Amino acid sequence: MPYSLFLFITLSLSILFSSQASSSMIPDDGIDDSQALKDLILNTAENSELKIDKPGVYDICSAIIVRNLSNISITANAGVILKKCDQFEGEYILSFYNSRFIEINGFIFRGLTIDKINYVWGEQGILFAGSEDISIKHNHFYDFGDAAIRATSSHLSSHDTNINSFRIDIRNNYFENVTQVTTTHPWNNNYGGTHDITVEDNIFEGLKGSLKFATVKPVSKALVRYNTFKNTKGTAIEITYYSNVKIIANTFIDSDKFILNAYPNKPRSVTEPFNWGSIYFTHNTILRSKGGIRIQSDVTDEQIDDKYVRGIYINNNHFINVDMTVYPEKKYWYLINLFSRGGKSYLFSTIKDNVYNLLPEVGFVKKTSGFTVEDNTSIKPENN
């Protein structure tokens, strides 16, 4: 038998097995499906697909934790809901450690935190720790008091390095009433975030916290593009010690805090000096916000090597009706606030080709040295 034909038959049988096996999970029966789903995942062969066919609610009453998976797709037909039980045991619905080439596609994930204001730390959706080449797309996430998705490094990775989470792709998802999507490593200070993470074409509705790229070990490369942030309760995007972050062509509507806040991590969390920079905020639209952009170069007691934050580019954006009331003190009422405590300065940075209007008592930029500010256009405020 030709090898190509053998491979086709083997793959087809594994896909068929996985799809048919999903019938052991019965929707809308009120019975815990945690173990059944875990067994299906563990029994899915490499290079094949586990597909949940029947729409309805699947009750997940305990955390599903798997390790060392490779090359599988876990997908769902429309209307498949993985819902935490009221007495859920654990943090995440799904946790993957030291896994690679995993796809999660087409699910509705429901958490337990219907409160639209307060956080509930530890009430979370999906974890990828110490994993690489991960795709999370075409899913819906509702009501998670902490992270809907956390992708970060881990001591359980087969890569014996401080950064061992690589190439995470979060695309075409819908998030409503979740606190964050994040790279933070909450367990200790020995491991950092994710190298090369893409967040593209998602909708964030009522985000209570942030899309947060944070690390305590040197890491770089994040792309945030074509997303829509609506009715954000927290700061839309936070960057802590990440470098080479590109925030391009996103839309921010009705935000209660900052659009972007970039700053150093807490000194007690960090064991080495950081050189960070290369932050691109370009071609974005900000419409009705209580805060604009805040960049802080250094903090008290920070370990410092290079005395410059290099390459902050805030170019070709539209700022419309940003009132800056996130600050109680009017001395900070600028669309763009650039802070330095004197330990680090800015270098090779630009604010150019932006279009903005200024509401009463609001200025455009609170400038510090190291920035070139040019060719920005002020327009008259629109009547609401």
Protein backbone atom coordinates (compact mmCIF):
# COMPACT_ATOMS: atom_id res chain seq x y z
CA MET A 1 0.00 0.00 0.00
CA PRO A 2 1.42 3.45 -0.87
CA TYR A 3 2.47 5.37 2.23
CA SER A 4 0.31 8.37 1.31
CA LEU A 5 -2.80 6.18 1.14
CA PHE A 6 -1.91 4.51 4.45
CA LEU A 7 -1.50 7.92 6.10
CA PHE A 8 -4.84 9.11 4.72
CA ILE A 9 -6.68 6.02 6.02
CA THR A 10 -5.01 6.26 9.43
CA LEU A 11 -5.86 9.95 9.80
CA SER A 12 -9.44 9.42 8.64
CA LEU A 13 -10.00 6.61 11.13
CA SER A 14 -8.56 8.63 14.01
CA ILE A 15 -10.78 11.59 13.17
CA LEU A 16 -13.82 9.32 12.86
CA PHE A 17 -13.01 7.66 16.18
CA SER A 18 -12.69 10.93 17.99
CA SER A 19 -15.92 12.36 16.57
CA GLN A 20 -17.92 9.25 17.39
CA ALA A 21 -16.36 8.95 20.84
CA SER A 22 -17.68 12.38 21.74
CA SER A 23 -21.12 10.78 21.95
CA SER A 24 -20.10 9.60 25.45
CA MET A 25 -20.70 13.21 26.47
CA ILE A 26 -24.41 13.99 26.54
CA PRO A 27 -25.46 17.64 26.54
CA ASP A 28 -28.15 19.14 28.77
CA ASP A 29 -28.34 16.14 31.12
CA GLY A 30 -26.98 17.88 34.22
CA ILE A 31 -24.25 15.24 34.64
CA ASP A 32 -20.59 16.14 35.09
CA ASP A 33 -18.76 15.77 31.76
CA SER A 34 -15.26 16.62 33.07
CA GLN A 35 -13.79 13.13 33.10
CA ALA A 36 -15.45 12.14 29.84
CA LEU A 37 -13.98 15.16 28.06
CA LYS A 38 -10.55 14.58 29.58
CA ASP A 39 -10.61 10.94 28.43
CA LEU A 40 -11.58 12.00 24.92
CA ILE A 41 -8.71 14.48 24.77
CA LEU A 42 -6.16 11.97 26.08
CA ASN A 43 -7.38 9.29 23.65
CA THR A 44 -7.17 11.53 20.59
CA ALA A 45 -4.26 10.44 18.42
CA GLU A 46 -1.64 12.86 17.21
CA ASN A 47 -2.41 14.61 13.91
CA SER A 48 -6.15 14.19 14.37
CA GLU A 49 -9.25 16.03 15.51
CA LEU A 50 -11.57 15.66 18.47
CA LYS A 51 -14.87 17.19 17.47
CA ILE A 52 -17.83 17.68 19.79
CA ASP A 53 -20.86 17.43 17.51
CA LYS A 54 -24.01 17.83 19.58
CA PRO A 55 -24.96 21.37 20.63
CA GLY A 56 -26.00 22.07 24.19
CA VAL A 57 -24.55 22.55 27.66
CA TYR A 58 -21.79 20.23 28.87
CA ASP A 59 -21.29 20.55 32.63
CA ILE A 60 -17.66 20.82 33.71
CA CYS A 61 -17.44 20.33 37.48
CA SER A 62 -13.69 19.91 37.93
CA ALA A 63 -10.56 21.22 36.22
CA ILE A 64 -9.36 19.25 33.20
CA ILE A 65 -5.55 19.13 33.31
CA VAL A 66 -3.50 17.50 30.55
CA ARG A 67 0.22 17.38 29.84
CA ASN A 68 2.54 16.64 26.95
CA LEU A 69 -0.05 16.70 24.17
CA SER A 70 1.00 17.25 20.59
CA ASN A 71 -0.67 17.92 17.25
CA ILE A 72 -4.38 17.69 17.97
CA SER A 73 -7.38 19.90 17.20
CA ILE A 74 -10.23 20.15 19.71
CA THR A 75 -13.21 21.63 17.91
CA ALA A 76 -16.94 22.04 18.33
CA ASN A 77 -20.01 22.49 16.20
CA ALA A 78 -22.05 25.65 16.74
CA GLY A 79 -23.81 25.81 20.10
CA VAL A 80 -21.46 23.58 22.10
CA ILE A 81 -21.13 25.11 25.58
CA LEU A 82 -18.57 24.10 28.20
CA LYS A 83 -20.01 25.53 31.41
CA LYS A 84 -18.55 25.48 34.88
CA CYS A 85 -20.75 23.83 37.50
CA ASP A 86 -21.78 26.04 40.40
CA GLN A 87 -19.49 24.02 42.72
CA PHE A 88 -16.59 23.87 40.24
CA GLU A 89 -13.36 22.45 41.73
CA GLY A 90 -10.17 24.12 40.53
CA GLU A 91 -9.38 27.24 38.52
CA TYR A 92 -9.40 26.57 34.76
CA ILE A 93 -11.84 24.60 32.65
CA LEU A 94 -8.91 23.42 30.54
CA SER A 95 -5.19 23.45 31.42
CA PHE A 96 -2.47 22.36 29.02
CA TYR A 97 1.14 21.96 30.16
CA ASN A 98 4.16 21.34 27.93
CA SER A 99 1.99 20.85 24.85
CA ARG A 100 2.46 21.88 21.24
CA PHE A 101 0.47 22.33 18.05
CA ILE A 102 -2.91 22.43 19.83
CA GLU A 103 -6.00 24.09 18.38
CA ILE A 104 -9.13 25.07 20.35
CA ASN A 105 -11.89 26.07 17.94
CA GLY A 106 -15.60 26.81 18.05
CA PHE A 107 -16.55 26.47 21.74
CA ILE A 108 -18.61 28.61 24.06
CA PHE A 109 -16.91 28.79 27.47
CA ARG A 110 -18.96 29.99 30.44
CA GLY A 111 -17.54 30.89 33.83
CA LEU A 112 -19.23 31.70 37.12
CA THR A 113 -18.65 35.43 37.63
CA ILE A 114 -21.68 37.34 36.43
CA ASP A 115 -20.64 40.41 38.45
CA LYS A 116 -19.68 43.02 35.86
CA ILE A 117 -17.54 45.19 38.15
CA ASN A 118 -15.51 43.10 40.60
CA TYR A 119 -12.73 40.62 39.94
CA VAL A 120 -12.71 37.06 41.26
CA TRP A 121 -9.09 35.96 41.18
CA GLY A 122 -8.63 32.30 40.26
CA GLU A 123 -11.92 31.95 38.37
CA GLN A 124 -10.46 31.23 34.94
CA GLY A 125 -11.01 29.70 31.52
CA ILE A 126 -8.07 28.19 29.62
CA LEU A 127 -4.40 27.87 30.58
CA PHE A 128 -1.52 27.10 28.24
CA ALA A 129 1.67 26.85 30.32
CA GLY A 130 5.09 26.06 28.85
CA SER A 131 3.45 25.32 25.51
CA GLU A 132 4.06 26.34 21.91
CA ASP A 133 2.30 26.72 18.56
CA ILE A 134 -1.15 27.13 20.06
CA SER A 135 -4.23 28.36 18.20
CA ILE A 136 -7.35 29.58 20.03
CA LYS A 137 -9.92 30.79 17.51
CA HIS A 138 -13.64 31.23 16.85
CA ASN A 139 -14.60 30.74 20.52
CA HIS A 140 -16.83 32.72 22.90
CA PHE A 141 -15.82 33.42 26.50
CA TYR A 142 -18.34 34.70 29.07
CA ASP A 143 -18.20 35.59 32.78
CA PHE A 144 -14.70 34.76 34.00
CA GLY A 145 -13.64 36.64 37.13
CA ASP A 146 -9.95 36.31 36.26
CA ALA A 147 -8.25 35.24 33.01
CA ALA A 148 -10.36 33.92 30.16
CA ILE A 149 -7.04 32.85 28.60
CA ARG A 150 -3.63 32.71 30.24
CA ALA A 151 -0.58 31.79 28.13
CA THR A 152 2.70 31.79 30.03
CA SER A 153 5.92 29.92 30.76
CA SER A 154 6.19 27.03 33.22
CA HIS A 155 8.65 24.85 35.13
CA LEU A 156 6.82 21.86 33.62
CA SER A 157 8.01 22.66 30.10
CA SER A 158 10.53 20.41 28.36
CA HIS A 159 12.47 23.62 27.56
CA ASP A 160 14.71 24.34 30.53
CA THR A 161 14.59 28.12 30.06
CA ASN A 162 12.89 31.05 31.77
CA ILE A 163 10.80 31.69 28.65
CA ASN A 164 9.27 28.49 27.26
CA SER A 165 5.91 29.63 25.91
CA PHE A 166 6.05 30.37 22.19
CA ARG A 167 3.81 31.31 19.27
CA ILE A 168 0.34 31.70 20.76
CA ASP A 169 -2.37 32.77 18.30
CA ILE A 170 -5.64 34.16 19.74
CA ARG A 171 -7.89 35.03 16.82
CA ASN A 172 -11.55 35.69 15.95
CA ASN A 173 -12.85 35.16 19.49
CA TYR A 174 -15.55 37.01 21.41
CA PHE A 175 -15.00 37.94 25.07
CA GLU A 176 -17.73 39.35 27.30
CA ASN A 177 -17.49 40.20 31.01
CA VAL A 178 -14.08 38.66 31.59
CA THR A 179 -11.30 40.26 33.60
CA GLN A 180 -8.25 39.64 31.45
CA VAL A 181 -6.39 37.80 28.72
CA THR A 182 -2.84 37.65 29.96
CA THR A 183 0.72 36.30 29.83
CA THR A 184 1.42 36.82 33.53
CA HIS A 185 3.10 33.99 35.41
CA PRO A 186 1.40 34.04 38.82
CA TRP A 187 3.29 31.26 40.59
CA ASN A 188 6.89 32.45 41.08
CA ASN A 189 9.49 34.89 39.77
CA ASN A 190 11.60 32.38 37.83
CA TYR A 191 9.56 32.28 34.64
CA GLY A 192 8.31 34.96 32.27
CA GLY A 193 5.52 35.35 29.75
CA THR A 194 5.13 34.28 26.11
CA HIS A 195 7.48 34.99 23.22
CA ASP A 196 5.55 35.77 20.03
CA ILE A 197 1.87 36.13 20.88
CA THR A 198 -0.75 37.34 18.39
CA VAL A 199 -4.15 38.74 19.39
CA GLU A 200 -6.06 39.52 16.20
CA ASP A 201 -9.65 40.11 15.04
CA ASN A 202 -11.21 39.62 18.48
CA ILE A 203 -14.05 41.50 20.17
CA PHE A 204 -13.69 42.44 23.85
CA GLU A 205 -16.99 43.57 25.40
CA GLY A 206 -17.05 44.83 28.98
CA LEU A 207 -13.46 43.81 29.78
CA LYS A 208 -13.02 44.42 33.54
CA GLY A 209 -9.22 44.32 33.50
CA SER A 210 -6.88 44.28 30.53
CA LEU A 211 -5.33 42.52 27.62
CA LYS A 212 -2.07 42.25 29.55
CA PHE A 213 1.43 41.44 28.38
CA ALA A 214 3.54 41.14 31.51
CA THR A 215 6.74 39.34 32.39
CA VAL A 216 9.47 39.14 35.03
CA LYS A 217 12.05 37.73 32.59
CA PRO A 218 13.15 39.32 29.31
CA VAL A 219 10.69 38.53 26.53
CA SER A 220 9.52 40.13 23.31
CA LYS A 221 7.18 40.11 20.35
CA ALA A 222 3.45 40.67 20.60
CA LEU A 223 1.01 41.70 17.87
CA VAL A 224 -2.38 43.23 18.69
CA ARG A 225 -4.25 43.99 15.48
CA TYR A 226 -7.80 44.55 14.18
CA ASN A 227 -9.46 44.05 17.58
CA THR A 228 -12.46 45.94 18.96
CA PHE A 229 -12.62 46.94 22.63
CA LYS A 230 -16.07 48.15 23.75
CA ASN A 231 -17.25 49.38 27.16
CA THR A 232 -13.94 48.50 28.79
CA LYS A 233 -14.02 48.87 32.58
CA GLY A 234 -10.25 48.61 33.09
CA THR A 235 -7.24 49.68 31.03
CA ALA A 236 -7.66 48.14 27.59
CA ILE A 237 -4.00 47.13 27.06
CA GLU A 238 -1.26 46.88 29.68
CA ILE A 239 2.41 46.27 28.90
CA THR A 240 4.86 45.42 31.67
CA TYR A 241 8.47 44.84 30.57
CA TYR A 242 7.50 43.49 27.13
CA SER A 243 9.45 44.64 24.08
CA ASN A 244 8.62 44.72 20.38
CA VAL A 245 4.88 45.12 20.87
CA LYS A 246 2.85 46.24 17.86
CA ILE A 247 -0.66 47.58 18.52
CA ILE A 248 -2.09 48.29 15.08
CA ALA A 249 -5.51 49.23 13.66
CA ASN A 250 -7.64 48.50 16.72
CA THR A 251 -10.83 50.28 17.73
CA PHE A 252 -11.51 51.41 21.31
CA ILE A 253 -15.03 52.62 22.17
CA ASP A 254 -16.29 53.89 25.55
CA SER A 255 -13.36 53.04 27.83
CA ASP A 256 -13.42 53.87 31.56
CA LYS A 257 -9.64 53.97 32.05
CA PHE A 258 -6.54 54.11 29.87
CA ILE A 259 -6.29 52.78 26.35
CA LEU A 260 -2.64 51.84 26.82
CA ASN A 261 -0.55 51.77 30.00
CA ALA A 262 3.10 50.68 29.70
CA TYR A 263 5.28 50.58 32.79
CA PRO A 264 7.99 48.57 34.62
CA ASN A 265 7.10 45.61 36.80
CA LYS A 266 7.26 45.77 40.58
CA PRO A 267 10.91 45.73 41.75
CA ARG A 268 10.17 42.97 44.28
CA SER A 269 9.06 40.70 41.42
CA VAL A 270 12.19 41.16 39.32
CA THR A 271 15.69 39.74 39.88
CA GLU A 272 17.58 41.37 37.01
CA PRO A 273 17.71 44.68 35.08
CA PHE A 274 15.38 45.04 32.10
CA ASN A 275 15.91 46.87 28.84
CA TRP A 276 12.49 47.29 27.26
CA GLY A 277 11.05 49.33 24.43
CA SER A 278 10.00 49.14 20.78
CA ILE A 279 6.31 49.78 21.46
CA TYR A 280 4.29 50.65 18.35
CA PHE A 281 0.83 52.18 18.80
CA THR A 282 -0.26 53.04 15.26
CA HIS A 283 -3.40 53.45 13.12
CA ASN A 284 -5.78 52.95 16.06
CA THR A 285 -9.11 54.72 16.69
CA ILE A 286 -10.08 55.85 20.19
CA LEU A 287 -13.67 57.06 20.57
CA ARG A 288 -14.97 58.32 23.91
CA SER A 289 -12.57 57.36 26.65
CA LYS A 290 -11.80 58.57 30.18
CA GLY A 291 -8.08 57.99 29.65
CA GLY A 292 -5.58 58.04 26.81
CA ILE A 293 -2.03 56.69 26.73
CA ARG A 294 0.25 56.47 29.75
CA ILE A 295 3.94 55.49 29.49
CA GLN A 296 6.23 55.33 32.53
CA SER A 297 9.93 54.73 31.94
CA ASP A 298 11.04 53.66 35.43
CA VAL A 299 9.95 53.15 39.02
CA THR A 300 11.57 53.66 42.42
CA ASP A 301 14.11 50.95 43.42
CA GLU A 302 14.12 49.45 39.91
CA GLN A 303 17.29 47.64 38.82
CA ILE A 304 18.67 49.64 35.91
CA ASP A 305 21.16 48.71 33.20
CA ASP A 306 20.49 50.82 30.09
CA LYS A 307 19.32 54.29 31.08
CA TYR A 308 16.93 54.64 28.13
CA VAL A 309 13.60 53.26 27.00
CA ARG A 310 14.03 53.25 23.24
CA GLY A 311 11.50 53.31 20.45
CA ILE A 312 8.03 54.35 21.61
CA TYR A 313 6.03 55.16 18.47
CA ILE A 314 2.57 56.73 18.79
CA ASN A 315 1.72 57.52 15.19
CA ASN A 316 -1.25 57.83 12.80
CA ASN A 317 -3.99 57.39 15.41
CA HIS A 318 -7.36 59.11 15.89
CA PHE A 319 -8.26 60.36 19.40
CA ILE A 320 -11.88 61.52 19.55
CA ASN A 321 -13.62 62.77 22.72
CA VAL A 322 -11.10 61.57 25.30
CA ASP A 323 -11.93 63.51 28.49
CA MET A 324 -9.07 62.26 30.76
CA THR A 325 -11.31 62.12 33.85
CA VAL A 326 -9.49 58.90 34.81
CA TYR A 327 -7.19 61.37 36.59
CA PRO A 328 -8.71 63.36 39.47
CA GLU A 329 -5.91 65.93 39.10
CA LYS A 330 -6.27 68.13 36.05
CA LYS A 331 -2.49 68.55 35.73
CA TYR A 332 -2.49 65.10 34.10
CA TRP A 333 -5.27 65.85 31.64
CA TYR A 334 -3.31 65.09 28.49
CA LEU A 335 -4.21 62.53 25.84
CA ILE A 336 -0.65 61.22 26.08
CA ASN A 337 1.21 61.25 29.42
CA LEU A 338 4.91 60.42 29.43
CA PHE A 339 6.42 59.94 32.88
CA SER A 340 9.98 59.44 34.13
CA ARG A 341 11.29 59.29 37.69
CA GLY A 342 14.81 60.09 36.50
CA GLY A 343 16.29 56.60 36.42
CA LYS A 344 15.52 56.16 32.74
CA SER A 345 14.78 58.56 29.91
CA TYR A 346 13.26 58.08 26.45
CA LEU A 347 15.19 57.92 23.21
CA PHE A 348 14.36 57.57 19.49
CA SER A 349 10.60 57.94 20.07
CA THR A 350 7.92 59.74 18.08
CA ILE A 351 4.39 61.11 18.36
CA LYS A 352 3.41 62.08 14.85
CA ASP A 353 0.63 62.18 12.26
CA ASN A 354 -2.14 61.76 14.83
CA VAL A 355 -5.58 63.37 14.53
CA TYR A 356 -7.31 64.44 17.74
CA ASN A 357 -9.83 66.77 19.29
CA LEU A 358 -9.47 68.38 22.70
CA LEU A 359 -12.30 68.58 25.17
CA PRO A 360 -12.27 71.47 27.70
CA GLU A 361 -9.11 71.60 29.87
CA VAL A 362 -7.50 68.65 28.05
CA GLY A 363 -4.11 68.93 26.33
CA PHE A 364 -2.51 66.75 23.70
CA VAL A 365 0.79 65.55 25.15
CA LYS A 366 2.63 66.00 28.43
CA LYS A 367 6.02 65.90 26.81
CA THR A 368 9.30 64.69 28.17
CA SER A 369 12.70 64.56 26.48
CA GLY A 370 13.51 61.92 23.89
CA PHE A 371 10.28 62.28 21.89
CA THR A 372 9.80 63.97 18.54
CA VAL A 373 6.29 65.46 18.34
CA GLU A 374 5.33 66.61 14.84
CA ASP A 375 2.64 66.76 12.15
CA ASN A 376 -0.27 66.09 14.50
CA THR A 377 -3.64 67.61 13.59
CA SER A 378 -6.16 69.09 16.00
CA ILE A 379 -9.83 69.13 14.94
CA LYS A 380 -12.86 70.69 16.60
CA PRO A 381 -14.73 68.57 19.14
CA GLU A 382 -17.85 66.92 17.78
CA ASN A 383 -21.20 67.68 19.36
CA ASN A 384 -22.62 64.61 21.13
